[in-house]
PDB file of N, CA and C in Angstrom:
ATOM      1  N   MET A   1     -13.165  17.277  38.249  1.00  0.00           N
ATOM      2  CA  MET A   1     -12.337  16.730  37.199  1.00  0.00           C
ATOM      3  C   MET A   1     -11.563  15.527  37.695  1.00  0.00           C
ATOM      4  N   LYS A   2     -11.074  15.636  38.920  1.00  0.00           N
ATOM      5  CA  LYS A   2     -10.262  14.548  39.456  1.00  0.00           C
ATOM      6  C   LYS A   2     -11.061  13.253  39.507  1.00  0.00           C
ATOM      7  N   LYS A   3     -12.265  13.342  40.001  1.00  0.00           N
ATOM      8  CA  LYS A   3     -13.084  12.141  40.169  1.00  0.00           C
ATOM      9  C   LYS A   3     -13.646  11.626  38.843  1.00  0.00           C
ATOM     10  N   GLU A   4     -14.182  12.525  38.047  1.00  0.00           N
ATOM     11  CA  GLU A   4     -14.846  12.132  36.803  1.00  0.00           C
ATOM     12  C   GLU A   4     -13.877  11.819  35.669  1.00  0.00           C
ATOM     13  N   LEU A   5     -12.904  12.700  35.467  1.00  0.00           N
ATOM     14  CA  LEU A   5     -11.996  12.555  34.326  1.00  0.00           C
ATOM     15  C   LEU A   5     -10.660  11.909  34.671  1.00  0.00           C
ATOM     16  N   LYS A   6     -10.369  11.816  35.974  1.00  0.00           N
ATOM     17  CA  LYS A   6      -9.068  11.302  36.433  1.00  0.00           C
ATOM     18  C   LYS A   6      -7.932  12.200  35.944  1.00  0.00           C
ATOM     19  N   LEU A   7      -8.201  13.520  35.926  1.00  0.00           N
ATOM     20  CA  LEU A   7      -7.222  14.511  35.510  1.00  0.00           C
ATOM     21  C   LEU A   7      -7.268  15.702  36.463  1.00  0.00           C
ATOM     22  N   VAL A   8      -6.153  16.380  36.616  1.00  0.00           N
ATOM     23  CA  VAL A   8      -6.070  17.624  37.372  1.00  0.00           C
ATOM     24  C   VAL A   8      -5.228  18.606  36.573  1.00  0.00           C
ATOM     25  N   ILE A   9      -5.296  19.867  36.963  1.00  0.00           N
ATOM     26  CA  ILE A   9      -4.501  20.887  36.284  1.00  0.00           C
ATOM     27  C   ILE A   9      -3.182  21.065  37.020  1.00  0.00           C
ATOM     28  N   ASP A  10      -2.104  21.010  36.271  1.00  0.00           N
ATOM     29  CA  ASP A  10      -0.773  21.295  36.814  1.00  0.00           C
ATOM     30  C   ASP A  10      -0.561  22.793  36.622  1.00  0.00           C
ATOM     31  N   TRP A  11      -0.831  23.553  37.668  1.00  0.00           N
ATOM     32  CA  TRP A  11      -0.804  25.009  37.583  1.00  0.00           C
ATOM     33  C   TRP A  11       0.591  25.552  37.313  1.00  0.00           C
ATOM     34  N   SER A  12       1.615  24.762  37.531  1.00  0.00           N
ATOM     35  CA  SER A  12       2.961  25.244  37.224  1.00  0.00           C
ATOM     36  C   SER A  12       3.168  25.370  35.712  1.00  0.00           C
ATOM     37  N   LEU A  13       2.278  24.780  34.931  1.00  0.00           N
ATOM     38  CA  LEU A  13       2.358  24.860  33.474  1.00  0.00           C
ATOM     39  C   LEU A  13       1.515  25.992  32.900  1.00  0.00           C
ATOM     40  N   VAL A  14       0.830  26.731  33.780  1.00  0.00           N
ATOM     41  CA  VAL A  14      -0.058  27.807  33.342  1.00  0.00           C
ATOM     42  C   VAL A  14       0.611  29.151  33.626  1.00  0.00           C
ATOM     43  N   ASP A  15       0.827  29.913  32.572  1.00  0.00           N
ATOM     44  CA  ASP A  15       1.418  31.244  32.720  1.00  0.00           C
ATOM     45  C   ASP A  15       0.393  32.188  33.349  1.00  0.00           C
ATOM     46  N   LYS A  16       0.815  32.906  34.388  1.00  0.00           N
ATOM     47  CA  LYS A  16      -0.090  33.784  35.131  1.00  0.00           C
ATOM     48  C   LYS A  16      -0.736  34.828  34.225  1.00  0.00           C
ATOM     49  N   ASP A  17       0.059  35.534  33.445  1.00  0.00           N
ATOM     50  CA  ASP A  17      -0.483  36.601  32.607  1.00  0.00           C
ATOM     51  C   ASP A  17      -1.432  36.068  31.535  1.00  0.00           C
ATOM     52  N   ASP A  18      -1.057  34.966  30.905  1.00  0.00           N
ATOM     53  CA  ASP A  18      -1.936  34.354  29.897  1.00  0.00           C
ATOM     54  C   ASP A  18      -3.260  33.935  30.531  1.00  0.00           C
ATOM     55  N   TYR A  19      -3.173  33.340  31.714  1.00  0.00           N
ATOM     56  CA  TYR A  19      -4.368  32.872  32.421  1.00  0.00           C
ATOM     57  C   TYR A  19      -5.284  34.043  32.780  1.00  0.00           C
ATOM     58  N   LEU A  20      -4.713  35.100  33.369  1.00  0.00           N
ATOM     59  CA  LEU A  20      -5.533  36.232  33.793  1.00  0.00           C
ATOM     60  C   LEU A  20      -6.177  36.946  32.605  1.00  0.00           C
ATOM     61  N   LEU A  21      -5.432  37.090  31.517  1.00  0.00           N
ATOM     62  CA  LEU A  21      -6.015  37.695  30.314  1.00  0.00           C
ATOM     63  C   LEU A  21      -7.134  36.833  29.734  1.00  0.00           C
ATOM     64  N   ALA A  22      -6.918  35.540  29.713  1.00  0.00           N
ATOM     65  CA  ALA A  22      -7.947  34.627  29.201  1.00  0.00           C
ATOM     66  C   ALA A  22      -9.184  34.648  30.095  1.00  0.00           C
ATOM     67  N   MET A  23      -8.983  34.761  31.399  1.00  0.00           N
ATOM     68  CA  MET A  23     -10.114  34.835  32.327  1.00  0.00           C
ATOM     69  C   MET A  23     -10.922  36.113  32.084  1.00  0.00           C
ATOM     70  N   GLU A  24     -10.245  37.219  31.820  1.00  0.00           N
ATOM     71  CA  GLU A  24     -10.946  38.474  31.539  1.00  0.00           C
ATOM     72  C   GLU A  24     -11.812  38.349  30.292  1.00  0.00           C
ATOM     73  N   ARG A  25     -11.328  37.655  29.303  1.00  0.00           N
ATOM     74  CA  ARG A  25     -12.056  37.518  28.044  1.00  0.00           C
ATOM     75  C   ARG A  25     -13.054  36.359  28.037  1.00  0.00           C
ATOM     76  N   SER A  26     -12.987  35.480  29.021  1.00  0.00           N
ATOM     77  CA  SER A  26     -13.801  34.262  28.999  1.00  0.00           C
ATOM     78  C   SER A  26     -15.314  34.485  28.991  1.00  0.00           C
ATOM     79  N   PRO A  27     -15.852  35.550  29.600  1.00  0.00           N
ATOM     80  CA  PRO A  27     -17.316  35.726  29.493  1.00  0.00           C
ATOM     81  C   PRO A  27     -17.782  35.941  28.048  1.00  0.00           C
ATOM     82  N   ILE A  28     -16.902  36.455  27.212  1.00  0.00           N
ATOM     83  CA  ILE A  28     -17.247  36.707  25.815  1.00  0.00           C
ATOM     84  C   ILE A  28     -16.877  35.514  24.939  1.00  0.00           C
ATOM     85  N   LYS A  29     -15.668  35.008  25.164  1.00  0.00           N
ATOM     86  CA  LYS A  29     -15.178  33.883  24.360  1.00  0.00           C
ATOM     87  C   LYS A  29     -14.310  33.006  25.260  1.00  0.00           C
ATOM     88  N   ASP A  30     -14.789  31.814  25.556  1.00  0.00           N
ATOM     89  CA  ASP A  30     -14.102  30.967  26.536  1.00  0.00           C
ATOM     90  C   ASP A  30     -13.129  29.957  25.927  1.00  0.00           C
ATOM     91  N   ILE A  31     -12.968  29.963  24.632  1.00  0.00           N
ATOM     92  CA  ILE A  31     -12.093  28.977  23.988  1.00  0.00           C
ATOM     93  C   ILE A  31     -10.636  29.122  24.429  1.00  0.00           C
ATOM     94  N   GLU A  32     -10.209  30.360  24.664  1.00  0.00           N
ATOM     95  CA  GLU A  32      -8.817  30.607  25.058  1.00  0.00           C
ATOM     96  C   GLU A  32      -8.515  29.998  26.429  1.00  0.00           C
ATOM     97  N   ILE A  33      -9.375  30.223  27.401  1.00  0.00           N
ATOM     98  CA  ILE A  33      -9.144  29.673  28.743  1.00  0.00           C
ATOM     99  C   ILE A  33      -9.222  28.153  28.716  1.00  0.00           C
ATOM    100  N   LYS A  34     -10.120  27.621  27.935  1.00  0.00           N
ATOM    101  CA  LYS A  34     -10.225  26.165  27.806  1.00  0.00           C
ATOM    102  C   LYS A  34      -8.941  25.578  27.240  1.00  0.00           C
ATOM    103  N   HIS A  35      -8.385  26.241  26.245  1.00  0.00           N
ATOM    104  CA  HIS A  35      -7.139  25.766  25.629  1.00  0.00           C
ATOM    105  C   HIS A  35      -5.984  25.814  26.635  1.00  0.00           C
ATOM    106  N   ILE A  36      -5.861  26.908  27.344  1.00  0.00           N
ATOM    107  CA  ILE A  36      -4.784  27.054  28.332  1.00  0.00           C
ATOM    108  C   ILE A  36      -4.872  25.958  29.389  1.00  0.00           C
ATOM    109  N   LEU A  37      -6.059  25.730  29.896  1.00  0.00           N
ATOM    110  CA  LEU A  37      -6.218  24.719  30.955  1.00  0.00           C
ATOM    111  C   LEU A  37      -6.087  23.300  30.414  1.00  0.00           C
ATOM    112  N   ARG A  38      -6.573  23.064  29.216  1.00  0.00           N
ATOM    113  CA  ARG A  38      -6.462  21.733  28.620  1.00  0.00           C
ATOM    114  C   ARG A  38      -4.990  21.334  28.444  1.00  0.00           C
ATOM    115  N   GLN A  39      -4.157  22.306  28.061  1.00  0.00           N
ATOM    116  CA  GLN A  39      -2.730  22.046  27.871  1.00  0.00           C
ATOM    117  C   GLN A  39      -2.016  21.710  29.176  1.00  0.00           C
ATOM    118  N   ALA A  40      -2.611  22.078  30.302  1.00  0.00           N
ATOM    119  CA  ALA A  40      -1.974  21.860  31.604  1.00  0.00           C
ATOM    120  C   ALA A  40      -2.545  20.654  32.351  1.00  0.00           C
ATOM    121  N   LEU A  41      -3.406  19.884  31.710  1.00  0.00           N
ATOM    122  CA  LEU A  41      -3.981  18.706  32.364  1.00  0.00           C
ATOM    123  C   LEU A  41      -2.934  17.611  32.534  1.00  0.00           C
ATOM    124  N   THR A  42      -3.039  16.928  33.657  1.00  0.00           N
ATOM    125  CA  THR A  42      -2.157  15.806  33.928  1.00  0.00           C
ATOM    126  C   THR A  42      -2.960  14.689  34.603  1.00  0.00           C
ATOM    127  N   ASP A  43      -2.486  13.481  34.463  1.00  0.00           N
ATOM    128  CA  ASP A  43      -3.142  12.346  35.120  1.00  0.00           C
ATOM    129  C   ASP A  43      -2.498  12.023  36.475  1.00  0.00           C
ATOM    130  N   ARG A  44      -1.640  12.890  36.938  1.00  0.00           N
ATOM    131  CA  ARG A  44      -0.963  12.686  38.229  1.00  0.00           C
ATOM    132  C   ARG A  44      -1.880  13.161  39.365  1.00  0.00           C
ATOM    133  N   ILE A  45      -3.055  12.547  39.471  1.00  0.00           N
ATOM    134  CA  ILE A  45      -4.098  13.011  40.385  1.00  0.00           C
ATOM    135  C   ILE A  45      -3.779  12.803  41.861  1.00  0.00           C
ATOM    136  N   ASP A  46      -2.899  11.915  42.170  1.00  0.00           N
ATOM    137  CA  ASP A  46      -2.553  11.666  43.567  1.00  0.00           C
ATOM    138  C   ASP A  46      -1.180  12.205  43.945  1.00  0.00           C
ATOM    139  N   ASP A  47      -0.618  13.040  43.103  1.00  0.00           N
ATOM    140  CA  ASP A  47       0.705  13.599  43.346  1.00  0.00           C
ATOM    141  C   ASP A  47       0.592  14.802  44.281  1.00  0.00           C
ATOM    142  N   ARG A  48       1.130  14.675  45.470  1.00  0.00           N
ATOM    143  CA  ARG A  48       1.054  15.729  46.483  1.00  0.00           C
ATOM    144  C   ARG A  48       1.736  17.008  45.993  1.00  0.00           C
ATOM    145  N   GLU A  49       2.824  16.878  45.272  1.00  0.00           N
ATOM    146  CA  GLU A  49       3.554  18.044  44.769  1.00  0.00           C
ATOM    147  C   GLU A  49       2.678  18.877  43.819  1.00  0.00           C
ATOM    148  N   ILE A  50       1.929  18.220  42.946  1.00  0.00           N
ATOM    149  CA  ILE A  50       1.018  18.918  42.040  1.00  0.00           C
ATOM    150  C   ILE A  50      -0.016  19.683  42.853  1.00  0.00           C
ATOM    151  N   TYR A  51      -0.557  19.056  43.868  1.00  0.00           N
ATOM    152  CA  TYR A  51      -1.568  19.678  44.720  1.00  0.00           C
ATOM    153  C   TYR A  51      -1.010  20.911  45.429  1.00  0.00           C
ATOM    154  N   MET A  52       0.161  20.768  46.044  1.00  0.00           N
ATOM    155  CA  MET A  52       0.761  21.864  46.795  1.00  0.00           C
ATOM    156  C   MET A  52       1.173  23.014  45.863  1.00  0.00           C
ATOM    157  N   LYS A  53       1.680  22.689  44.688  1.00  0.00           N
ATOM    158  CA  LYS A  53       2.037  23.739  43.736  1.00  0.00           C
ATOM    159  C   LYS A  53       0.791  24.477  43.251  1.00  0.00           C
ATOM    160  N   GLY A  54      -0.319  23.782  43.188  1.00  0.00           N
ATOM    161  CA  GLY A  54      -1.579  24.430  42.826  1.00  0.00           C
ATOM    162  C   GLY A  54      -1.980  25.477  43.849  1.00  0.00           C
ATOM    163  N   ILE A  55      -1.780  25.163  45.116  1.00  0.00           N
ATOM    164  CA  ILE A  55      -2.065  26.133  46.181  1.00  0.00           C
ATOM    165  C   ILE A  55      -1.136  27.326  46.048  1.00  0.00           C
ATOM    166  N   ASP A  56       0.152  27.068  45.861  1.00  0.00           N
ATOM    167  CA  ASP A  56       1.130  28.156  45.712  1.00  0.00           C
ATOM    168  C   ASP A  56       0.776  29.058  44.531  1.00  0.00           C
ATOM    169  N   HIS A  57       0.404  28.469  43.415  1.00  0.00           N
ATOM    170  CA  HIS A  57       0.071  29.271  42.233  1.00  0.00           C
ATOM    171  C   HIS A  57      -1.196  30.083  42.458  1.00  0.00           C
ATOM    172  N   SER A  58      -2.127  29.543  43.201  1.00  0.00           N
ATOM    173  CA  SER A  58      -3.338  30.281  43.519  1.00  0.00           C
ATOM    174  C   SER A  58      -2.996  31.559  44.281  1.00  0.00           C
ATOM    175  N   TYR A  59      -2.143  31.439  45.280  1.00  0.00           N
ATOM    176  CA  TYR A  59      -1.720  32.625  46.031  1.00  0.00           C
ATOM    177  C   TYR A  59      -0.900  33.569  45.149  1.00  0.00           C
ATOM    178  N   PHE A  60      -0.040  33.027  44.316  1.00  0.00           N
ATOM    179  CA  PHE A  60       0.777  33.834  43.419  1.00  0.00           C
ATOM    180  C   PHE A  60      -0.104  34.653  42.472  1.00  0.00           C
ATOM    181  N   TYR A  61      -1.146  34.027  41.934  1.00  0.00           N
ATOM    182  CA  TYR A  61      -2.048  34.730  41.022  1.00  0.00           C
ATOM    183  C   TYR A  61      -2.768  35.865  41.741  1.00  0.00           C
ATOM    184  N   GLU A  62      -2.980  35.714  43.038  1.00  0.00           N
ATOM    185  CA  GLU A  62      -3.636  36.753  43.830  1.00  0.00           C
ATOM    186  C   GLU A  62      -2.654  37.810  44.318  1.00  0.00           C
ATOM    187  N   GLY A  63      -1.374  37.616  44.059  1.00  0.00           N
ATOM    188  CA  GLY A  63      -0.379  38.607  44.437  1.00  0.00           C
ATOM    189  C   GLY A  63       0.348  38.320  45.733  1.00  0.00           C
ATOM    190  N   TYR A  64       0.168  37.129  46.274  1.00  0.00           N
ATOM    191  CA  TYR A  64       0.851  36.748  47.511  1.00  0.00           C
ATOM    192  C   TYR A  64       1.980  35.785  47.197  1.00  0.00           C
ATOM    193  N   ALA A  65       3.171  36.108  47.655  1.00  0.00           N
ATOM    194  CA  ALA A  65       4.310  35.223  47.371  1.00  0.00           C
ATOM    195  C   ALA A  65       5.264  35.138  48.559  1.00  0.00           C
ATOM    196  N   VAL A  66       4.758  35.386  49.766  1.00  0.00           N
ATOM    197  CA  VAL A  66       5.603  35.382  50.954  1.00  0.00           C
ATOM    198  C   VAL A  66       6.006  33.971  51.339  1.00  0.00           C
ATOM    199  N   TYR A  67       5.059  33.045  51.304  1.00  0.00           N
ATOM    200  CA  TYR A  67       5.314  31.673  51.724  1.00  0.00           C
ATOM    201  C   TYR A  67       5.036  30.715  50.578  1.00  0.00           C
ATOM    202  N   LYS A  68       5.680  29.584  50.632  1.00  0.00           N
ATOM    203  CA  LYS A  68       5.392  28.493  49.724  1.00  0.00           C
ATOM    204  C   LYS A  68       4.903  27.320  50.572  1.00  0.00           C
ATOM    205  N   ALA A  69       3.913  26.601  50.083  1.00  0.00           N
ATOM    206  CA  ALA A  69       3.323  25.506  50.852  1.00  0.00           C
ATOM    207  C   ALA A  69       4.371  24.470  51.258  1.00  0.00           C
ATOM    208  N   GLU A  70       5.315  24.198  50.396  1.00  0.00           N
ATOM    209  CA  GLU A  70       6.329  23.179  50.702  1.00  0.00           C
ATOM    210  C   GLU A  70       7.257  23.600  51.838  1.00  0.00           C
ATOM    211  N   GLU A  71       7.299  24.912  52.144  1.00  0.00           N
ATOM    212  CA  GLU A  71       8.148  25.415  53.219  1.00  0.00           C
ATOM    213  C   GLU A  71       7.434  25.460  54.569  1.00  0.00           C
ATOM    214  N   LEU A  72       6.126  25.271  54.578  1.00  0.00           N
ATOM    215  CA  LEU A  72       5.372  25.356  55.829  1.00  0.00           C
ATOM    216  C   LEU A  72       5.423  24.075  56.622  1.00  0.00           C
TER     217      LEU A  72
END
């Protein structure tokens, strides 16, 4: 997406529970997950903070919240 569309997802704008529920339903109906992710698109493709927050949210969604990338 970054290269082709010049957009990235700002994961801080994606609610964990909404995302996980939409992911569960996506094999049957993917419109919900598409809508959630489309709403979180940003053109701040070179913003380091967006990138690092994406890593933090990835760990948070997996249940890990001990460290934050910005603190390392």
